[in-house]
């Protein structure tokens, strides 16, 4: 979501006044960001948003707090000390923050977890900052975990011969074990194998 969409999401929630105050406080005193960031889920709501899969009002509010904070070192502290929902908010915020490669260690860490939400968030638009090998491993992890590839940003553009080879090897392993590849991974593999033959 972009900033305007985030603001539209939180405009109708009961905790909107709390968020406005929290953003003002974070801009004035970045030291207060941690407790406010942690409280956002409770204040704004943890229920999934109907038209925004993977998002809650609390997540949207946390991202707006991170934009107000805009301090890579402090955002890093919030990621490393955060629970999974707080880490997810940091990952969602990365494409909206002008911090260059500062968030790469957080995205790489998320790709090492077994939380499908974090893995997929790490492969969103900010994944353009990841090197090709790390990105490929993230895609293969999605396939292994059964995470839909539709959430991987620029999947078609970045799929290369190396990823195709990795997916081919995984498909063979699965076939030998009597297990199927997810349909979206097979479709991706077939598209790229056909292009290779052209």
Protein backbone atom coordinates (compact mmCIF):
# COMPACT_ATOMS: atom_id res chain seq x y z
CA UNK A 1 0.00 0.00 0.00
CA UNK A 2 1.11 3.55 -0.57
CA UNK A 3 0.90 6.31 2.03
CA UNK A 4 -2.46 7.61 0.80
CA UNK A 5 -3.94 4.11 0.96
CA UNK A 6 -2.55 3.64 4.48
CA UNK A 7 -4.14 6.91 5.60
CA UNK A 8 -7.46 5.89 4.03
CA UNK A 9 -7.38 2.57 5.88
CA UNK A 10 -6.85 4.16 9.28
CA UNK A 11 -9.21 7.10 8.68
CA UNK A 12 -12.24 5.06 9.72
CA UNK A 13 -10.83 3.19 12.72
CA UNK A 14 -11.73 4.21 16.27
CA UNK A 15 -8.05 4.72 17.17
CA UNK A 16 -7.40 7.35 14.48
CA UNK A 17 -7.04 10.17 17.03
CA UNK A 18 -4.53 8.05 18.96
CA UNK A 19 -2.51 7.49 15.76
CA UNK A 20 -2.50 11.20 14.87
CA UNK A 21 -1.15 11.98 18.33
CA UNK A 22 1.38 9.12 18.15
CA UNK A 23 2.76 10.33 14.79
CA UNK A 24 3.15 13.85 16.18
CA UNK A 25 4.92 12.51 19.26
CA UNK A 26 7.30 10.33 17.20
CA UNK A 27 8.27 13.28 15.00
CA UNK A 28 8.93 15.44 18.09
CA UNK A 29 10.66 12.76 20.16
CA UNK A 30 11.92 9.65 18.31
CA UNK A 31 12.70 8.00 21.68
CA UNK A 32 8.97 7.44 22.24
CA UNK A 33 8.60 5.41 19.01
CA UNK A 34 9.17 1.97 20.59
CA UNK A 35 6.27 1.94 23.06
CA UNK A 36 3.90 3.60 20.56
CA UNK A 37 4.89 1.15 17.82
CA UNK A 38 4.23 -1.78 20.15
CA UNK A 39 0.83 -0.36 21.20
CA UNK A 40 -0.46 0.30 17.68
CA UNK A 41 -1.98 -3.14 17.17
CA UNK A 42 -4.04 -2.90 20.34
CA UNK A 43 -5.07 0.71 19.71
CA UNK A 44 -5.97 0.38 16.00
CA UNK A 45 -7.07 -3.22 15.69
CA UNK A 46 -5.66 -6.61 14.78
CA UNK A 47 -8.54 -7.87 12.64
CA UNK A 48 -7.69 -8.50 8.96
CA UNK A 49 -8.74 -5.72 6.62
CA UNK A 50 -11.42 -6.98 4.20
CA UNK A 51 -9.91 -5.60 0.99
CA UNK A 52 -6.24 -5.79 1.99
CA UNK A 53 -5.04 -9.38 2.42
CA UNK A 54 -2.26 -9.65 5.00
CA UNK A 55 -2.99 -6.23 6.50
CA UNK A 56 -4.65 -4.99 9.68
CA UNK A 57 -5.36 -1.42 10.76
CA UNK A 58 -2.63 -1.92 13.38
CA UNK A 59 -0.13 -2.84 10.65
CA UNK A 60 -1.11 0.20 8.60
CA UNK A 61 -0.71 2.44 11.65
CA UNK A 62 2.68 0.96 12.49
CA UNK A 63 3.90 1.66 8.95
CA UNK A 64 2.77 5.30 9.28
CA UNK A 65 4.66 5.54 12.59
CA UNK A 66 7.80 4.23 10.87
CA UNK A 67 7.42 6.82 8.12
CA UNK A 68 7.14 9.50 10.81
CA UNK A 69 10.23 8.09 12.55
CA UNK A 70 12.34 7.74 9.38
CA UNK A 71 15.50 6.75 11.26
CA UNK A 72 17.10 3.53 9.95
CA UNK A 73 18.96 2.77 13.20
CA UNK A 74 15.83 3.13 15.33
CA UNK A 75 13.73 1.22 12.78
CA UNK A 76 16.34 -1.55 12.91
CA UNK A 77 15.99 -1.70 16.69
CA UNK A 78 12.21 -2.00 16.31
CA UNK A 79 12.70 -4.87 13.85
CA UNK A 80 15.27 -6.80 15.90
CA UNK A 81 13.38 -6.42 19.17
CA UNK A 82 9.90 -6.77 17.69
CA UNK A 83 7.45 -9.65 17.71
CA UNK A 84 6.44 -11.15 14.33
CA UNK A 85 3.63 -8.60 13.80
CA UNK A 86 6.03 -5.72 14.50
CA UNK A 87 8.66 -7.19 12.18
CA UNK A 88 5.99 -7.56 9.50
CA UNK A 89 5.18 -3.85 9.80
CA UNK A 90 8.84 -2.95 9.32
CA UNK A 91 9.02 -5.12 6.20
CA UNK A 92 5.81 -3.59 4.84
CA UNK A 93 7.26 -0.12 5.44
CA UNK A 94 10.54 -0.70 3.61
CA UNK A 95 9.33 0.28 0.11
CA UNK A 96 7.94 3.53 1.53
CA UNK A 97 11.12 4.56 3.36
CA UNK A 98 13.99 6.24 1.57
CA UNK A 99 16.70 4.23 3.33
CA UNK A 100 18.46 2.50 0.44
CA UNK A 101 20.02 -0.82 1.42
CA UNK A 102 19.77 -0.22 5.19
CA UNK A 103 16.83 -2.64 5.40
CA UNK A 104 18.54 -5.52 3.57
CA UNK A 105 19.63 -7.27 6.81
CA UNK A 106 16.01 -7.24 8.02
CA UNK A 107 14.71 -8.67 4.74
CA UNK A 108 17.45 -11.32 4.77
CA UNK A 109 16.54 -12.23 8.34
CA UNK A 110 12.86 -12.53 7.39
CA UNK A 111 13.79 -14.94 4.61
CA UNK A 112 15.48 -17.19 7.18
CA UNK A 113 12.28 -17.52 9.23
CA UNK A 114 9.53 -20.07 8.81
CA UNK A 115 6.82 -17.41 9.03
CA UNK A 116 5.19 -17.23 5.58
CA UNK A 117 3.99 -13.66 6.21
CA UNK A 118 7.54 -12.45 6.84
CA UNK A 119 9.01 -14.40 3.93
CA UNK A 120 6.45 -12.98 1.50
CA UNK A 121 6.81 -9.43 2.86
CA UNK A 122 10.59 -9.67 2.35
CA UNK A 123 9.94 -10.50 -1.32
CA UNK A 124 7.74 -7.44 -1.88
CA UNK A 125 8.91 -4.29 -3.71
CA UNK A 126 11.90 -3.78 -1.38
CA UNK A 127 13.33 -7.10 -2.63
CA UNK A 128 14.83 -5.08 -5.50
CA UNK A 129 17.58 -4.32 -2.94
CA UNK A 130 18.36 -8.04 -2.44
CA UNK A 131 21.12 -9.68 -4.43
CA UNK A 132 20.01 -12.24 -7.01
CA UNK A 133 21.14 -15.29 -5.03
CA UNK A 134 19.26 -14.23 -1.89
CA UNK A 135 16.15 -13.39 -3.90
CA UNK A 136 16.24 -16.78 -5.65
CA UNK A 137 16.55 -18.59 -2.32
CA UNK A 138 13.54 -16.64 -1.07
CA UNK A 139 11.46 -17.70 -4.06
CA UNK A 140 12.46 -21.34 -3.61
CA UNK A 141 11.56 -21.06 0.07
CA UNK A 142 8.10 -19.79 -0.90
CA UNK A 143 7.64 -22.83 -3.14
CA UNK A 144 8.90 -25.16 -0.41
CA UNK A 145 6.54 -23.60 2.16
CA UNK A 146 3.57 -23.43 -0.22
CA UNK A 147 3.46 -19.62 -0.11
CA UNK A 148 1.68 -18.25 -3.21
CA UNK A 149 4.13 -16.73 -5.67
CA UNK A 150 1.61 -14.06 -6.65
CA UNK A 151 2.95 -11.94 -3.77
CA UNK A 152 6.55 -11.97 -5.04
CA UNK A 153 7.31 -8.60 -6.60
CA UNK A 154 8.66 -8.63 -10.18
CA UNK A 155 8.71 -12.44 -10.24
CA UNK A 156 8.56 -12.71 -14.03
CA UNK A 157 11.20 -10.02 -14.56
CA UNK A 158 13.70 -11.52 -12.13
CA UNK A 159 13.27 -15.20 -12.91
CA UNK A 160 16.46 -16.32 -14.61
CA UNK A 161 18.19 -19.52 -15.68
CA UNK A 162 19.56 -20.10 -12.18
CA UNK A 163 16.11 -19.93 -10.56
CA UNK A 164 14.68 -22.12 -13.32
CA UNK A 165 17.39 -24.71 -12.58
CA UNK A 166 16.68 -24.55 -8.84
CA UNK A 167 12.95 -25.03 -9.41
CA UNK A 168 13.60 -27.89 -11.85
CA UNK A 169 15.73 -29.64 -9.22
CA UNK A 170 13.06 -29.11 -6.57
CA UNK A 171 10.36 -30.46 -8.91
CA UNK A 172 12.45 -33.60 -9.50
CA UNK A 173 12.99 -34.09 -5.77
CA UNK A 174 9.29 -33.73 -5.11
CA UNK A 175 8.35 -36.09 -7.92
CA UNK A 176 10.77 -38.71 -6.55
CA UNK A 177 9.11 -38.38 -3.15
CA UNK A 178 5.62 -38.59 -4.66
CA UNK A 179 4.84 -34.96 -3.85
CA UNK A 180 3.57 -32.28 -6.20
CA UNK A 181 4.93 -28.84 -6.86
CA UNK A 182 2.49 -25.97 -6.23
CA UNK A 183 0.59 -25.07 -9.40
CA UNK A 184 1.94 -21.51 -9.53
CA UNK A 185 5.54 -22.75 -9.30
CA UNK A 186 4.95 -25.29 -12.07
CA UNK A 187 3.38 -22.60 -14.25
CA UNK A 188 6.37 -20.30 -13.69
CA UNK A 189 8.79 -23.10 -14.43
CA UNK A 190 6.98 -24.12 -17.61
CA UNK A 191 6.80 -20.53 -18.90
CA UNK A 192 10.51 -20.04 -18.47
CA UNK A 193 11.44 -23.43 -19.87
CA UNK A 194 9.37 -22.65 -22.97
CA UNK A 195 11.09 -19.26 -23.36
CA UNK A 196 14.45 -20.98 -23.12
CA UNK A 197 13.49 -23.28 -26.01
CA UNK A 198 12.34 -20.34 -28.23
